[in-house]
Structures are given as structure tokens and as C-alpha cells.
Amino acid sequence: MDAALYVPDYAPQIEGPCRAIGLGSPEGARVLVVATPARGGTTVNLMAPVLVNEATGQSVQAILDGQNWPLRAELRAA
């Protein structure tokens, strides 16, 4: 899911992983989060976003150790 649409307050430090996909700054990355639907509601993985360089198609799943983002954050209605 597009983090900008579904988790607008999400602001991880992703400079290093962005360089790995050919981006000079995080602003050029499309940030996606993996959603997991369940009976009790849908959660999103904020610890490991998928970063996409839309110009080249390169992508990487970043593991954000030490940033205190949850693995299962409840997805709330906008």
C-alpha cells in the first residue's frame, strides 16, 4: 500500500536504502508498506517498507532496525 496515502505520518529514515536503488534523496522514493488483513482488522508493517525508484523500477525492502517502527501497526480509516 502507498504509505503516503494510508499512513501519512510515516516518516522513516531511508537515506541509505534509497542510495541502493539509485536515488540521491528519499523524496524521490515511492514508499510502500505491506498490509496484512485479519479478522480483528488490517495491520501494516512499518518496520520493513518497500522503496521503489519509479524512474528505473529498482526496488528494495528496507529493514529499519533501531527506528522503533512496529511490525504490525493497526491501519486506521482516513
Protein backbone atom coordinates (compact mmCIF):
# COMPACT_ATOMS: atom_id res chain seq x y z
CA MET A 1 0.00 0.00 0.00
CA ASP A 2 1.19 3.53 -0.69
CA ALA A 3 2.36 4.85 2.69
CA ALA A 4 1.71 8.47 1.68
CA LEU A 5 -1.99 7.67 1.28
CA TYR A 6 -2.61 5.17 4.07
CA VAL A 7 -0.03 6.15 6.73
CA PRO A 8 0.57 9.86 6.05
CA ASP A 9 2.50 10.46 9.31
CA TYR A 10 5.01 7.71 8.50
CA ALA A 11 8.48 9.27 8.19
CA PRO A 12 11.23 6.66 8.44
CA GLN A 13 14.93 7.36 7.91
CA ILE A 14 15.55 5.74 4.50
CA GLU A 15 18.54 7.58 3.04
CA GLY A 16 20.81 4.52 2.84
CA PRO A 17 18.32 2.19 1.17
CA CYS A 18 17.38 4.95 -1.29
CA ARG A 19 21.00 5.19 -2.44
CA ALA A 20 20.94 1.42 -3.02
CA ILE A 21 18.22 1.90 -5.67
CA GLY A 22 19.87 4.87 -7.34
CA LEU A 23 18.12 7.75 -5.58
CA GLY A 24 20.01 10.75 -4.24
CA SER A 25 17.33 11.55 -1.66
CA PRO A 26 14.34 9.88 -0.01
CA GLU A 27 11.95 12.37 -1.61
CA GLY A 28 12.24 10.50 -4.91
CA ALA A 29 11.17 7.16 -3.47
CA ARG A 30 7.69 5.67 -3.57
CA VAL A 31 7.29 4.16 -0.10
CA LEU A 32 5.04 1.11 0.15
CA VAL A 33 4.01 -0.83 3.24
CA VAL A 34 2.88 -4.44 3.36
CA ALA A 35 -0.66 -4.89 4.67
CA THR A 36 -1.97 -7.97 6.45
CA PRO A 37 -5.75 -8.32 6.72
CA ALA A 38 -7.17 -10.26 9.66
CA ARG A 39 -10.49 -10.69 11.44
CA GLY A 40 -9.59 -8.07 14.03
CA GLY A 41 -8.52 -5.51 11.43
CA THR A 42 -5.72 -4.81 9.00
CA THR A 43 -2.15 -4.14 10.09
CA VAL A 44 0.75 -2.66 8.16
CA ASN A 45 4.45 -3.43 8.52
CA LEU A 46 6.22 -0.14 9.23
CA MET A 47 9.50 -1.84 10.16
CA ALA A 48 10.20 -3.02 6.61
CA PRO A 49 8.86 -0.71 3.88
CA VAL A 50 9.36 -1.39 0.19
CA LEU A 51 11.09 1.53 -1.56
CA VAL A 52 10.67 2.00 -5.30
CA ASN A 53 12.63 4.17 -7.71
CA GLU A 54 9.83 4.82 -10.19
CA ALA A 55 12.20 6.13 -12.86
CA THR A 56 14.17 2.87 -13.08
CA GLY A 57 11.87 0.30 -11.49
CA GLN A 58 14.52 -0.65 -8.94
CA SER A 59 13.19 -1.51 -5.51
CA VAL A 60 14.35 -2.71 -2.14
CA GLN A 61 12.71 -3.81 1.07
CA ALA A 62 14.42 -1.84 3.82
CA ILE A 63 14.72 -3.26 7.35
CA LEU A 64 14.59 -0.29 9.71
CA ASP A 65 16.43 -1.66 12.74
CA GLY A 66 16.69 0.74 15.65
CA GLN A 67 13.99 3.14 14.43
CA ASN A 68 11.20 1.77 16.67
CA TRP A 69 8.66 1.30 13.90
CA PRO A 70 6.17 -1.50 14.61
CA LEU A 71 5.98 -4.70 12.64
CA ARG A 72 2.18 -4.72 12.97
CA ALA A 73 0.66 -1.24 13.17
CA GLU A 74 -3.12 -1.04 13.08
CA LEU A 75 -4.36 0.51 9.85
CA ARG A 76 -6.92 3.18 10.67
CA ALA A 77 -9.56 4.72 8.44
CA ALA A 78 -8.57 8.06 6.96
